[in-house]
PDB file of N, CA and C in Angstrom:
ATOM      1  N   THR A   1      45.827 244.624  36.271  1.00  0.00           N
ATOM      2  CA  THR A   1      45.975 245.629  35.231  1.00  0.00           C
ATOM      3  C   THR A   1      44.943 246.738  35.390  1.00  0.00           C
ATOM      4  N   CYS A   2      43.708 246.389  35.764  1.00  0.00           N
ATOM      5  CA  CYS A   2      42.646 247.390  35.931  1.00  0.00           C
ATOM      6  C   CYS A   2      43.015 248.416  36.997  1.00  0.00           C
ATOM      7  N   CYS A   3      43.578 247.932  38.099  1.00  0.00           N
ATOM      8  CA  CYS A   3      43.963 248.843  39.188  1.00  0.00           C
ATOM      9  C   CYS A   3      45.027 249.821  38.723  1.00  0.00           C
ATOM     10  N   VAL A   4      45.976 249.356  37.959  1.00  0.00           N
ATOM     11  CA  VAL A   4      47.047 250.210  37.450  1.00  0.00           C
ATOM     12  C   VAL A   4      46.452 251.279  36.538  1.00  0.00           C
ATOM     13  N   LEU A   5      45.541 250.892  35.650  1.00  0.00           N
ATOM     14  CA  LEU A   5      44.912 251.860  34.747  1.00  0.00           C
ATOM     15  C   LEU A   5      44.095 252.880  35.525  1.00  0.00           C
ATOM     16  N   ALA A   6      43.369 252.443  36.542  1.00  0.00           N
ATOM     17  CA  ALA A   6      42.579 253.354  37.357  1.00  0.00           C
ATOM     18  C   ALA A   6      43.492 254.354  38.070  1.00  0.00           C
ATOM     19  N   ASN A   7      44.632 253.889  38.565  1.00  0.00           N
ATOM     20  CA  ASN A   7      45.575 254.777  39.239  1.00  0.00           C
ATOM     21  C   ASN A   7      46.199 255.774  38.274  1.00  0.00           C
ATOM     22  N   VAL A   8      46.471 255.348  37.050  1.00  0.00           N
ATOM     23  CA  VAL A   8      47.024 256.247  36.039  1.00  0.00           C
ATOM     24  C   VAL A   8      46.033 257.370  35.769  1.00  0.00           C
ATOM     25  N   ASP A   9      44.762 257.033  35.630  1.00  0.00           N
ATOM     26  CA  ASP A   9      43.728 258.031  35.388  1.00  0.00           C
ATOM     27  C   ASP A   9      43.660 259.017  36.555  1.00  0.00           C
ATOM     28  N   LYS A  10      43.728 258.511  37.767  1.00  0.00           N
ATOM     29  CA  LYS A  10      43.692 259.355  38.967  1.00  0.00           C
ATOM     30  C   LYS A  10      44.910 260.271  39.004  1.00  0.00           C
ATOM     31  N   VAL A  11      46.077 259.729  38.694  1.00  0.00           N
ATOM     32  CA  VAL A  11      47.306 260.524  38.682  1.00  0.00           C
ATOM     33  C   VAL A  11      47.213 261.625  37.623  1.00  0.00           C
ATOM     34  N   GLU A  12      46.710 261.294  36.442  1.00  0.00           N
ATOM     35  CA  GLU A  12      46.565 262.292  35.371  1.00  0.00           C
ATOM     36  C   GLU A  12      45.614 263.410  35.790  1.00  0.00           C
ATOM     37  N   ARG A  13      44.489 263.031  36.414  1.00  0.00           N
ATOM     38  CA  ARG A  13      43.531 264.047  36.864  1.00  0.00           C
ATOM     39  C   ARG A  13      44.143 264.927  37.948  1.00  0.00           C
ATOM     40  N   THR A  14      44.891 264.327  38.873  1.00  0.00           N
ATOM     41  CA  THR A  14      45.541 265.088  39.936  1.00  0.00           C
ATOM     42  C   THR A  14      46.544 266.066  39.332  1.00  0.00           C
ATOM     43  N   MET A  15      47.305 265.615  38.350  1.00  0.00           N
ATOM     44  CA  MET A  15      48.280 266.480  37.687  1.00  0.00           C
ATOM     45  C   MET A  15      47.583 267.629  36.970  1.00  0.00           C
ATOM     46  N   LYS A  16      46.462 267.342  36.317  1.00  0.00           N
ATOM     47  CA  LYS A  16      45.719 268.371  35.586  1.00  0.00           C
ATOM     48  C   LYS A  16      45.156 269.403  36.565  1.00  0.00           C
ATOM     49  N   LEU A  17      44.593 268.932  37.680  1.00  0.00           N
ATOM     50  CA  LEU A  17      44.060 269.858  38.681  1.00  0.00           C
ATOM     51  C   LEU A  17      45.175 270.721  39.275  1.00  0.00           C
ATOM     52  N   THR A  18      46.335 270.121  39.502  1.00  0.00           N
ATOM     53  CA  THR A  18      47.480 270.867  40.016  1.00  0.00           C
ATOM     54  C   THR A  18      47.876 271.947  39.019  1.00  0.00           C
ATOM     55  N   GLU A  19      47.860 271.615  37.732  1.00  0.00           N
ATOM     56  CA  GLU A  19      48.191 272.577  36.683  1.00  0.00           C
ATOM     57  C   GLU A  19      47.178 273.725  36.658  1.00  0.00           C
ATOM     58  N   VAL A  20      45.896 273.395  36.770  1.00  0.00           N
ATOM     59  CA  VAL A  20      44.856 274.426  36.758  1.00  0.00           C
ATOM     60  C   VAL A  20      45.019 275.349  37.969  1.00  0.00           C
ATOM     61  N   LEU A  21      45.308 274.781  39.132  1.00  0.00           N
ATOM     62  CA  LEU A  21      45.535 275.597  40.331  1.00  0.00           C
ATOM     63  C   LEU A  21      46.730 276.535  40.142  1.00  0.00           C
ATOM     64  N   LYS A  22      47.795 276.016  39.567  1.00  0.00           N
ATOM     65  CA  LYS A  22      48.993 276.823  39.323  1.00  0.00           C
ATOM     66  C   LYS A  22      48.674 277.979  38.369  1.00  0.00           C
ATOM     67  N   GLU A  23      47.938 277.682  37.297  1.00  0.00           N
ATOM     68  CA  GLU A  23      47.553 278.715  36.332  1.00  0.00           C
ATOM     69  C   GLU A  23      46.667 279.776  36.989  1.00  0.00           C
ATOM     70  N   LEU A  24      45.734 279.319  37.837  1.00  0.00           N
ATOM     71  CA  LEU A  24      44.846 280.256  38.524  1.00  0.00           C
ATOM     72  C   LEU A  24      45.652 281.191  39.426  1.00  0.00           C
ATOM     73  N   ARG A  25      46.623 280.648  40.128  1.00  0.00           N
ATOM     74  CA  ARG A  25      47.460 281.469  41.007  1.00  0.00           C
ATOM     75  C   ARG A  25      48.270 282.486  40.200  1.00  0.00           C
ATOM     76  N   GLN A  26      48.773 282.068  39.035  1.00  0.00           N
ATOM     77  CA  GLN A  26      49.506 282.992  38.164  1.00  0.00           C
ATOM     78  C   GLN A  26      48.569 284.073  37.646  1.00  0.00           C
ATOM     79  N   LEU A  27      47.374 283.654  37.249  1.00  0.00           N
ATOM     80  CA  LEU A  27      46.393 284.617  36.744  1.00  0.00           C
ATOM     81  C   LEU A  27      46.045 285.630  37.838  1.00  0.00           C
ATOM     82  N   ASN A  28      45.866 285.152  39.041  1.00  0.00           N
ATOM     83  CA  ASN A  28      45.508 286.028  40.160  1.00  0.00           C
ATOM     84  C   ASN A  28      46.534 287.142  40.344  1.00  0.00           C
ATOM     85  N   LYS A  29      47.802 286.835  40.112  1.00  0.00           N
ATOM     86  CA  LYS A  29      48.861 287.843  40.246  1.00  0.00           C
ATOM     87  C   LYS A  29      48.742 288.927  39.176  1.00  0.00           C
ATOM     88  N   SER A  30      48.110 288.603  38.042  1.00  0.00           N
ATOM     89  CA  SER A  30      47.988 289.572  36.955  1.00  0.00           C
ATOM     90  C   SER A  30      46.641 290.306  36.967  1.00  0.00           C
ATOM     91  N   VAL A  31      45.792 289.981  37.943  1.00  0.00           N
ATOM     92  CA  VAL A  31      44.478 290.620  38.017  1.00  0.00           C
ATOM     93  C   VAL A  31      44.567 291.932  38.792  1.00  0.00           C
ATOM     94  N   ALA A  32      43.996 292.963  38.205  1.00  0.00           N
ATOM     95  CA  ALA A  32      43.887 294.244  38.901  1.00  0.00           C
ATOM     96  C   ALA A  32      42.637 294.153  39.773  1.00  0.00           C
ATOM     97  N   HIS A  33      42.843 293.842  41.039  1.00  0.00           N
ATOM     98  CA  HIS A  33      41.712 293.712  41.970  1.00  0.00           C
ATOM     99  C   HIS A  33      41.262 295.115  42.360  1.00  0.00           C
ATOM    100  N   ASN A  34      40.254 295.585  41.650  1.00  0.00           N
ATOM    101  CA  ASN A  34      39.802 296.961  41.842  1.00  0.00           C
ATOM    102  C   ASN A  34      38.377 297.022  42.394  1.00  0.00           C
ATOM    103  N   GLY A  35      38.005 296.012  43.153  1.00  0.00           N
ATOM    104  CA  GLY A  35      36.675 296.026  43.763  1.00  0.00           C
ATOM    105  C   GLY A  35      35.571 295.474  42.879  1.00  0.00           C
ATOM    106  N   MET A  36      35.947 294.913  41.725  1.00  0.00           N
ATOM    107  CA  MET A  36      34.927 294.333  40.844  1.00  0.00           C
ATOM    108  C   MET A  36      34.194 293.219  41.593  1.00  0.00           C
ATOM    109  N   MET A  37      32.880 293.206  41.475  1.00  0.00           N
ATOM    110  CA  MET A  37      32.054 292.221  42.159  1.00  0.00           C
ATOM    111  C   MET A  37      31.585 291.162  41.159  1.00  0.00           C
ATOM    112  N   LEU A  38      31.697 289.884  41.572  1.00  0.00           N
ATOM    113  CA  LEU A  38      31.324 288.759  40.702  1.00  0.00           C
ATOM    114  C   LEU A  38      30.477 287.762  41.480  1.00  0.00           C
ATOM    115  N   ASN A  39      29.540 287.123  40.782  1.00  0.00           N
ATOM    116  CA  ASN A  39      28.780 286.043  41.411  1.00  0.00           C
ATOM    117  C   ASN A  39      29.765 284.946  41.786  1.00  0.00           C
ATOM    118  N   THR A  40      29.734 284.530  43.042  1.00  0.00           N
ATOM    119  CA  THR A  40      30.735 283.597  43.552  1.00  0.00           C
ATOM    120  C   THR A  40      30.073 282.427  44.265  1.00  0.00           C
ATOM    121  N   PRO A  41      30.121 281.240  43.658  1.00  0.00           N
ATOM    122  CA  PRO A  41      29.574 280.057  44.344  1.00  0.00           C
ATOM    123  C   PRO A  41      30.251 279.845  45.689  1.00  0.00           C
ATOM    124  N   THR A  42      29.465 279.399  46.626  1.00  0.00           N
ATOM    125  CA  THR A  42      29.983 279.123  47.961  1.00  0.00           C
ATOM    126  C   THR A  42      30.540 277.708  47.994  1.00  0.00           C
ATOM    127  N   LEU A  43      31.292 277.392  49.028  1.00  0.00           N
ATOM    128  CA  LEU A  43      31.905 276.067  49.115  1.00  0.00           C
ATOM    129  C   LEU A  43      30.943 275.017  49.654  1.00  0.00           C
ATOM    130  N   ASP A  44      29.813 275.440  50.163  1.00  0.00           N
ATOM    131  CA  ASP A  44      28.844 274.488  50.694  1.00  0.00           C
ATOM    132  C   ASP A  44      27.807 274.100  49.627  1.00  0.00           C
ATOM    133  N   ILE A  45      28.289 273.929  48.404  1.00  0.00           N
ATOM    134  CA  ILE A  45      27.382 273.564  47.312  1.00  0.00           C
ATOM    135  C   ILE A  45      26.793 272.176  47.565  1.00  0.00           C
ATOM    136  N   GLU A  46      25.590 272.006  47.092  1.00  0.00           N
ATOM    137  CA  GLU A  46      24.889 270.743  47.298  1.00  0.00           C
ATOM    138  C   GLU A  46      25.528 269.615  46.500  1.00  0.00           C
ATOM    139  N   GLU A  47      25.315 268.414  46.974  1.00  0.00           N
ATOM    140  CA  GLU A  47      25.793 267.222  46.267  1.00  0.00           C
ATOM    141  C   GLU A  47      25.236 267.250  44.848  1.00  0.00           C
ATOM    142  N   CYS A  48      26.030 266.879  43.896  1.00  0.00           N
ATOM    143  CA  CYS A  48      25.685 266.828  42.470  1.00  0.00           C
ATOM    144  C   CYS A  48      25.638 268.209  41.809  1.00  0.00           C
ATOM    145  N   CYS A  49      26.041 269.264  42.520  1.00  0.00           N
ATOM    146  CA  CYS A  49      26.053 270.608  41.931  1.00  0.00           C
ATOM    147  C   CYS A  49      27.469 271.143  41.732  1.00  0.00           C
ATOM    148  N   PHE A  50      28.471 270.298  41.907  1.00  0.00           N
ATOM    149  CA  PHE A  50      29.862 270.714  41.749  1.00  0.00           C
ATOM    150  C   PHE A  50      30.106 271.268  40.339  1.00  0.00           C
ATOM    151  N   LEU A  51      29.692 270.520  39.312  1.00  0.00           N
ATOM    152  CA  LEU A  51      29.950 270.956  37.931  1.00  0.00           C
ATOM    153  C   LEU A  51      29.186 272.234  37.598  1.00  0.00           C
ATOM    154  N   SER A  52      28.014 272.390  38.171  1.00  0.00           N
ATOM    155  CA  SER A  52      27.230 273.606  37.968  1.00  0.00           C
ATOM    156  C   SER A  52      27.956 274.814  38.572  1.00  0.00           C
ATOM    157  N   ALA A  53      28.479 274.649  39.778  1.00  0.00           N
ATOM    158  CA  ALA A  53      29.231 275.731  40.431  1.00  0.00           C
ATOM    159  C   ALA A  53      30.500 276.042  39.635  1.00  0.00           C
ATOM    160  N   LEU A  54      31.160 274.998  39.169  1.00  0.00           N
ATOM    161  CA  LEU A  54      32.368 275.174  38.368  1.00  0.00           C
ATOM    162  C   LEU A  54      32.053 275.958  37.094  1.00  0.00           C
ATOM    163  N   GLU A  55      30.936 275.639  36.467  1.00  0.00           N
ATOM    164  CA  GLU A  55      30.523 276.338  35.244  1.00  0.00           C
ATOM    165  C   GLU A  55      30.264 277.818  35.537  1.00  0.00           C
ATOM    166  N   CYS A  56      29.727 278.106  36.705  1.00  0.00           N
ATOM    167  CA  CYS A  56      29.512 279.505  37.094  1.00  0.00           C
ATOM    168  C   CYS A  56      30.848 280.232  37.215  1.00  0.00           C
ATOM    169  N   PHE A  57      31.799 279.606  37.899  1.00  0.00           N
ATOM    170  CA  PHE A  57      33.135 280.207  37.998  1.00  0.00           C
ATOM    171  C   PHE A  57      33.699 280.435  36.602  1.00  0.00           C
ATOM    172  N   ARG A  58      33.568 279.440  35.765  1.00  0.00           N
ATOM    173  CA  ARG A  58      34.115 279.524  34.398  1.00  0.00           C
ATOM    174  C   ARG A  58      33.490 280.698  33.644  1.00  0.00           C
ATOM    175  N   LYS A  59      32.208 280.891  33.844  1.00  0.00           N
ATOM    176  CA  LYS A  59      31.475 281.970  33.181  1.00  0.00           C
ATOM    177  C   LYS A  59      31.918 283.351  33.685  1.00  0.00           C
ATOM    178  N   MET A  60      32.357 283.415  34.930  1.00  0.00           N
ATOM    179  CA  MET A  60      32.736 284.689  35.543  1.00  0.00           C
ATOM    180  C   MET A  60      34.201 285.066  35.319  1.00  0.00           C
ATOM    181  N   VAL A  61      35.071 284.088  35.080  1.00  0.00           N
ATOM    182  CA  VAL A  61      36.513 284.361  34.926  1.00  0.00           C
ATOM    183  C   VAL A  61      36.803 285.424  33.850  1.00  0.00           C
ATOM    184  N   PRO A  62      36.074 285.439  32.713  1.00  0.00           N
ATOM    185  CA  PRO A  62      36.369 286.487  31.717  1.00  0.00           C
ATOM    186  C   PRO A  62      36.160 287.916  32.239  1.00  0.00           C
ATOM    187  N   SER A  63      35.393 288.061  33.307  1.00  0.00           N
ATOM    188  CA  SER A  63      35.141 289.393  33.871  1.00  0.00           C
ATOM    189  C   SER A  63      36.292 289.915  34.713  1.00  0.00           C
ATOM    190  N   LEU A  64      37.225 289.022  35.068  1.00  0.00           N
ATOM    191  CA  LEU A  64      38.386 289.464  35.845  1.00  0.00           C
ATOM    192  C   LEU A  64      39.229 290.407  35.003  1.00  0.00           C
ATOM    193  N   ASN A  65      39.689 291.483  35.606  1.00  0.00           N
ATOM    194  CA  ASN A  65      40.512 292.465  34.910  1.00  0.00           C
ATOM    195  C   ASN A  65      41.963 291.991  34.933  1.00  0.00           C
ATOM    196  N   ALA A  66      42.279 291.020  34.062  1.00  0.00           N
ATOM    197  CA  ALA A  66      43.611 290.405  34.041  1.00  0.00           C
ATOM    198  C   ALA A  66      44.471 290.999  32.935  1.00  0.00           C
ATOM    199  N   LYS A  67      45.747 291.155  33.238  1.00  0.00           N
ATOM    200  CA  LYS A  67      46.707 291.651  32.237  1.00  0.00           C
ATOM    201  C   LYS A  67      47.085 290.542  31.274  1.00  0.00           C
ATOM    202  N   GLN A  68      47.144 289.312  31.764  1.00  0.00           N
ATOM    203  CA  GLN A  68      47.561 288.173  30.936  1.00  0.00           C
ATOM    204  C   GLN A  68      46.332 287.491  30.327  1.00  0.00           C
ATOM    205  N   LYS A  69      45.871 288.025  29.219  1.00  0.00           N
ATOM    206  CA  LYS A  69      44.649 287.519  28.576  1.00  0.00           C
ATOM    207  C   LYS A  69      44.811 286.080  28.074  1.00  0.00           C
ATOM    208  N   LYS A  70      46.009 285.747  27.596  1.00  0.00           N
ATOM    209  CA  LYS A  70      46.254 284.386  27.109  1.00  0.00           C
ATOM    210  C   LYS A  70      46.104 283.380  28.257  1.00  0.00           C
ATOM    211  N   LEU A  71      46.673 283.700  29.401  1.00  0.00           N
ATOM    212  CA  LEU A  71      46.555 282.847  30.580  1.00  0.00           C
ATOM    213  C   LEU A  71      45.102 282.776  31.045  1.00  0.00           C
ATOM    214  N   GLN A  72      44.410 283.891  30.953  1.00  0.00           N
ATOM    215  CA  GLN A  72      42.995 283.930  31.333  1.00  0.00           C
ATOM    216  C   GLN A  72      42.183 282.968  30.458  1.00  0.00           C
ATOM    217  N   ARG A  73      42.433 282.988  29.159  1.00  0.00           N
ATOM    218  CA  ARG A  73      41.731 282.071  28.240  1.00  0.00           C
ATOM    219  C   ARG A  73      42.071 280.616  28.556  1.00  0.00           C
ATOM    220  N   LYS A  74      43.316 280.362  28.921  1.00  0.00           N
ATOM    221  CA  LYS A  74      43.746 279.001  29.253  1.00  0.00           C
ATOM    222  C   LYS A  74      43.030 278.501  30.514  1.00  0.00           C
ATOM    223  N   VAL A  75      42.917 279.353  31.513  1.00  0.00           N
ATOM    224  CA  VAL A  75      42.200 278.981  32.739  1.00  0.00           C
ATOM    225  C   VAL A  75      40.748 278.675  32.409  1.00  0.00           C
ATOM    226  N   ILE A  76      40.126 279.511  31.597  1.00  0.00           N
ATOM    227  CA  ILE A  76      38.726 279.292  31.205  1.00  0.00           C
ATOM    228  C   ILE A  76      38.586 277.936  30.517  1.00  0.00           C
ATOM    229  N   LYS A  77      39.492 277.655  29.587  1.00  0.00           N
ATOM    230  CA  LYS A  77      39.452 276.380  28.865  1.00  0.00           C
ATOM    231  C   LYS A  77      39.616 275.205  29.828  1.00  0.00           C
ATOM    232  N   ASN A  78      40.547 275.319  30.761  1.00  0.00           N
ATOM    233  CA  ASN A  78      40.834 274.223  31.684  1.00  0.00           C
ATOM    234  C   ASN A  78      39.782 274.052  32.774  1.00  0.00           C
ATOM    235  N   LEU A  79      38.879 275.002  32.905  1.00  0.00           N
ATOM    236  CA  LEU A  79      37.783 274.861  33.864  1.00  0.00           C
ATOM    237  C   LEU A  79      36.589 274.141  33.231  1.00  0.00           C
ATOM    238  N   SER A  80      36.798 273.562  32.060  1.00  0.00           N
ATOM    239  CA  SER A  80      35.705 272.856  31.397  1.00  0.00           C
ATOM    240  C   SER A  80      35.331 271.600  32.179  1.00  0.00           C
ATOM    241  N   PRO A  81      34.071 271.185  32.099  1.00  0.00           N
ATOM    242  CA  PRO A  81      33.631 269.971  32.800  1.00  0.00           C
ATOM    243  C   PRO A  81      34.451 268.734  32.430  1.00  0.00           C
ATOM    244  N   LEU A  82      35.004 268.679  31.219  1.00  0.00           N
ATOM    245  CA  LEU A  82      35.809 267.520  30.813  1.00  0.00           C
ATOM    246  C   LEU A  82      37.043 267.364  31.696  1.00  0.00           C
ATOM    247  N   THR A  83      37.598 268.487  32.134  1.00  0.00           N
ATOM    248  CA  THR A  83      38.767 268.447  33.008  1.00  0.00           C
ATOM    249  C   THR A  83      38.424 267.799  34.338  1.00  0.00           C
ATOM    250  N   PHE A  84      37.172 267.940  34.741  1.00  0.00           N
ATOM    251  CA  PHE A  84      36.756 267.496  36.070  1.00  0.00           C
ATOM    252  C   PHE A  84      35.947 266.211  36.062  1.00  0.00           C
ATOM    253  N   ARG A  85      36.007 265.533  34.951  1.00  0.00           N
ATOM    254  CA  ARG A  85      35.370 264.224  34.837  1.00  0.00           C
ATOM    255  C   ARG A  85      35.914 263.325  35.947  1.00  0.00           C
ATOM    256  N   GLY A  86      35.038 262.669  36.657  1.00  0.00           N
ATOM    257  CA  GLY A  86      35.468 261.759  37.706  1.00  0.00           C
ATOM    258  C   GLY A  86      35.574 262.398  39.081  1.00  0.00           C
ATOM    259  N   VAL A  87      35.537 263.730  39.143  1.00  0.00           N
ATOM    260  CA  VAL A  87      35.600 264.403  40.436  1.00  0.00           C
ATOM    261  C   VAL A  87      34.231 264.366  41.103  1.00  0.00           C
ATOM    262  N   ASP A  88      33.208 264.529  40.289  1.00  0.00           N
ATOM    263  CA  ASP A  88      31.832 264.513  40.783  1.00  0.00           C
ATOM    264  C   ASP A  88      31.367 263.058  40.830  1.00  0.00           C
ATOM    265  N   SER A  89      30.977 262.591  41.997  1.00  0.00           N
ATOM    266  CA  SER A  89      30.589 261.189  42.165  1.00  0.00           C
ATOM    267  C   SER A  89      29.154 260.911  41.722  1.00  0.00           C
ATOM    268  N   CYS A  90      28.442 261.926  41.303  1.00  0.00           N
ATOM    269  CA  CYS A  90      27.044 261.752  40.898  1.00  0.00           C
ATOM    270  C   CYS A  90      26.958 261.255  39.454  1.00  0.00           C
ATOM    271  N   SER A  91      25.931 260.490  39.197  1.00  0.00           N
ATOM    272  CA  SER A  91      25.703 260.028  37.830  1.00  0.00           C
ATOM    273  C   SER A  91      25.124 261.181  37.004  1.00  0.00           C
ATOM    274  N   ARG A  92      25.140 261.029  35.705  1.00  0.00           N
ATOM    275  CA  ARG A  92      24.578 262.048  34.826  1.00  0.00           C
ATOM    276  C   ARG A  92      23.094 262.244  35.139  1.00  0.00           C
ATOM    277  N   GLU A  93      22.402 261.139  35.378  1.00  0.00           N
ATOM    278  CA  GLU A  93      20.970 261.209  35.688  1.00  0.00           C
ATOM    279  C   GLU A  93      20.732 261.989  36.984  1.00  0.00           C
ATOM    280  N   GLU A  94      21.548 261.719  37.994  1.00  0.00           N
ATOM    281  CA  GLU A  94      21.408 262.443  39.270  1.00  0.00           C
ATOM    282  C   GLU A  94      21.629 263.937  39.078  1.00  0.00           C
ATOM    283  N   ARG A  95      22.655 264.287  38.282  1.00  0.00           N
ATOM    284  CA  ARG A  95      22.929 265.709  38.017  1.00  0.00           C
ATOM    285  C   ARG A  95      21.793 266.360  37.248  1.00  0.00           C
ATOM    286  N   GLU A  96      21.239 265.635  36.276  1.00  0.00           N
ATOM    287  CA  GLU A  96      20.150 266.196  35.469  1.00  0.00           C
ATOM    288  C   GLU A  96      18.890 266.407  36.304  1.00  0.00           C
ATOM    289  N   ASN A  97      18.664 265.552  37.300  1.00  0.00           N
ATOM    290  CA  ASN A  97      17.470 265.665  38.141  1.00  0.00           C
ATOM    291  C   ASN A  97      17.645 266.646  39.294  1.00  0.00           C
ATOM    292  N   LYS A  98      18.862 267.028  39.569  1.00  0.00           N
ATOM    293  CA  LYS A  98      19.146 267.940  40.679  1.00  0.00           C
ATOM    294  C   LYS A  98      18.952 269.378  40.217  1.00  0.00           C
ATOM    295  N   VAL A  99      18.270 270.167  41.008  1.00  0.00           N
ATOM    296  CA  VAL A  99      18.107 271.583  40.697  1.00  0.00           C
ATOM    297  C   VAL A  99      19.177 272.339  41.474  1.00  0.00           C
ATOM    298  N   CYS A 100      20.165 272.812  40.746  1.00  0.00           N
ATOM    299  CA  CYS A 100      21.278 273.532  41.359  1.00  0.00           C
ATOM    300  C   CYS A 100      21.015 275.032  41.287  1.00  0.00           C
ATOM    301  N   GLN A 101      21.703 275.747  42.131  1.00  0.00           N
ATOM    302  CA  GLN A 101      21.570 277.194  42.184  1.00  0.00           C
ATOM    303  C   GLN A 101      22.031 277.809  40.872  1.00  0.00           C
ATOM    304  N   GLU A 102      21.288 278.800  40.389  1.00  0.00           N
ATOM    305  CA  GLU A 102      21.679 279.523  39.175  1.00  0.00           C
ATOM    306  C   GLU A 102      22.873 280.420  39.493  1.00  0.00           C
ATOM    307  N   CYS A 103      23.715 280.639  38.516  1.00  0.00           N
ATOM    308  CA  CYS A 103      24.933 281.428  38.718  1.00  0.00           C
ATOM    309  C   CYS A 103      24.604 282.827  39.248  1.00  0.00           C
ATOM    310  N   ASP A 104      23.595 283.467  38.682  1.00  0.00           N
ATOM    311  CA  ASP A 104      23.297 284.836  39.108  1.00  0.00           C
ATOM    312  C   ASP A 104      22.638 284.915  40.483  1.00  0.00           C
ATOM    313  N   SER A 105      22.358 283.773  41.094  1.00  0.00           N
ATOM    314  CA  SER A 105      21.782 283.792  42.444  1.00  0.00           C
ATOM    315  C   SER A 105      22.848 283.642  43.536  1.00  0.00           C
ATOM    316  N   TYR A 106      24.086 283.362  43.143  1.00  0.00           N
ATOM    317  CA  TYR A 106      25.164 283.289  44.125  1.00  0.00           C
ATOM    318  C   TYR A 106      25.501 284.700  44.605  1.00  0.00           C
ATOM    319  N   PRO A 107      26.014 284.827  45.827  1.00  0.00           N
ATOM    320  CA  PRO A 107      26.337 286.167  46.344  1.00  0.00           C
ATOM    321  C   PRO A 107      27.446 286.831  45.533  1.00  0.00           C
ATOM    322  N   MET A 108      27.390 288.143  45.487  1.00  0.00           N
ATOM    323  CA  MET A 108      28.418 288.929  44.815  1.00  0.00           C
ATOM    324  C   MET A 108      29.581 289.116  45.784  1.00  0.00           C
ATOM    325  N   LYS A 109      30.776 288.778  45.297  1.00  0.00           N
ATOM    326  CA  LYS A 109      31.998 288.946  46.101  1.00  0.00           C
ATOM    327  C   LYS A 109      33.006 289.696  45.236  1.00  0.00           C
ATOM    328  N   ASP A 110      33.965 290.346  45.899  1.00  0.00           N
ATOM    329  CA  ASP A 110      34.972 291.049  45.113  1.00  0.00           C
ATOM    330  C   ASP A 110      35.903 290.040  44.439  1.00  0.00           C
ATOM    331  N   SER A 111      36.681 290.510  43.482  1.00  0.00           N
ATOM    332  CA  SER A 111      37.502 289.618  42.655  1.00  0.00           C
ATOM    333  C   SER A 111      38.502 288.802  43.479  1.00  0.00           C
ATOM    334  N   ARG A 112      39.029 289.377  44.555  1.00  0.00           N
ATOM    335  CA  ARG A 112      39.964 288.624  45.411  1.00  0.00           C
ATOM    336  C   ARG A 112      39.269 287.415  46.036  1.00  0.00           C
ATOM    337  N   GLU A 113      38.093 287.652  46.591  1.00  0.00           N
ATOM    338  CA  GLU A 113      37.334 286.572  47.228  1.00  0.00           C
ATOM    339  C   GLU A 113      36.879 285.549  46.186  1.00  0.00           C
ATOM    340  N   PHE A 114      36.527 286.017  45.000  1.00  0.00           N
ATOM    341  CA  PHE A 114      36.128 285.136  43.900  1.00  0.00           C
ATOM    342  C   PHE A 114      37.246 284.139  43.594  1.00  0.00           C
ATOM    343  N   VAL A 115      38.460 284.647  43.399  1.00  0.00           N
ATOM    344  CA  VAL A 115      39.605 283.782  43.073  1.00  0.00           C
ATOM    345  C   VAL A 115      39.894 282.834  44.238  1.00  0.00           C
ATOM    346  N   LYS A 116      39.808 283.346  45.442  1.00  0.00           N
ATOM    347  CA  LYS A 116      40.050 282.529  46.636  1.00  0.00           C
ATOM    348  C   LYS A 116      39.036 281.378  46.715  1.00  0.00           C
ATOM    349  N   GLN A 117      37.770 281.661  46.446  1.00  0.00           N
ATOM    350  CA  GLN A 117      36.728 280.626  46.479  1.00  0.00           C
ATOM    351  C   GLN A 117      36.941 279.594  45.363  1.00  0.00           C
ATOM    352  N   LEU A 118      37.330 280.067  44.182  1.00  0.00           N
ATOM    353  CA  LEU A 118      37.588 279.148  43.072  1.00  0.00           C
ATOM    354  C   LEU A 118      38.763 278.242  43.413  1.00  0.00           C
ATOM    355  N   GLU A 119      39.795 278.806  43.973  1.00  0.00           N
ATOM    356  CA  GLU A 119      40.961 278.012  44.376  1.00  0.00           C
ATOM    357  C   GLU A 119      40.545 276.956  45.416  1.00  0.00           C
ATOM    358  N   SER A 120      39.730 277.337  46.368  1.00  0.00           N
ATOM    359  CA  SER A 120      39.265 276.398  47.392  1.00  0.00           C
ATOM    360  C   SER A 120      38.430 275.280  46.783  1.00  0.00           C
ATOM    361  N   LEU A 121      37.600 275.625  45.805  1.00  0.00           N
ATOM    362  CA  LEU A 121      36.781 274.603  45.132  1.00  0.00           C
ATOM    363  C   LEU A 121      37.668 273.608  44.381  1.00  0.00           C
ATOM    364  N   LEU A 122      38.709 274.119  43.737  1.00  0.00           N
ATOM    365  CA  LEU A 122      39.630 273.237  43.017  1.00  0.00           C
ATOM    366  C   LEU A 122      40.392 272.335  43.977  1.00  0.00           C
ATOM    367  N   GLN A 123      40.791 272.869  45.111  1.00  0.00           N
ATOM    368  CA  GLN A 123      41.478 272.045  46.112  1.00  0.00           C
ATOM    369  C   GLN A 123      40.525 270.985  46.675  1.00  0.00           C
ATOM    370  N   LYS A 124      39.285 271.361  46.854  1.00  0.00           N
ATOM    371  CA  LYS A 124      38.267 270.397  47.323  1.00  0.00           C
ATOM    372  C   LYS A 124      38.109 269.289  46.283  1.00  0.00           C
ATOM    373  N   ALA A 125      38.145 269.648  45.009  1.00  0.00           N
ATOM    374  CA  ALA A 125      38.035 268.659  43.933  1.00  0.00           C
ATOM    375  C   ALA A 125      39.215 267.695  43.976  1.00  0.00           C
ATOM    376  N   MET A 126      40.406 268.216  44.249  1.00  0.00           N
ATOM    377  CA  MET A 126      41.587 267.354  44.338  1.00  0.00           C
ATOM    378  C   MET A 126      41.442 266.355  45.480  1.00  0.00           C
ATOM    379  N   ASN A 127      40.865 266.803  46.558  1.00  0.00           N
ATOM    380  CA  ASN A 127      40.677 265.911  47.719  1.00  0.00           C
ATOM    381  C   ASN A 127      39.657 264.813  47.435  1.00  0.00           C
ATOM    382  N   ARG A 128      38.790 265.024  46.470  1.00  0.00           N
ATOM    383  CA  ARG A 128      37.782 264.025  46.116  1.00  0.00           C
ATOM    384  C   ARG A 128      38.361 262.884  45.263  1.00  0.00           C
ATOM    385  N   LEU A 129      39.489 263.133  44.649  1.00  0.00           N
ATOM    386  CA  LEU A 129      40.081 262.112  43.777  1.00  0.00           C
ATOM    387  C   LEU A 129      40.577 260.923  44.560  1.00  0.00           C
TER     388      LEU A 129
END
């Protein structure tokens, strides 16, 4: 029974991540990519800094010049750490003791590259499940 429950949780998380990726792709189509520069976490983030990088992306998404504001708010909501529970293999203590890069110290990339990096991070998260 435990194995079945664990698989259900994994399936639910995979479905949620798939939904977030789909929403991000839809949002990207409504973004006016006009050269806006945003702090963009790189994909080579240190172990135990996944949620920190995700929070940076979440903080930057409102800056995207999107036509679909409702979808933009939904993406922001779905990028919450609760959505990604179980993706990060580090314990809470390990995360608290780890010094992760501050959001404003990540390189500035244009909005297209920002969305592309966020999409890659989400796909990387799916592969961790």
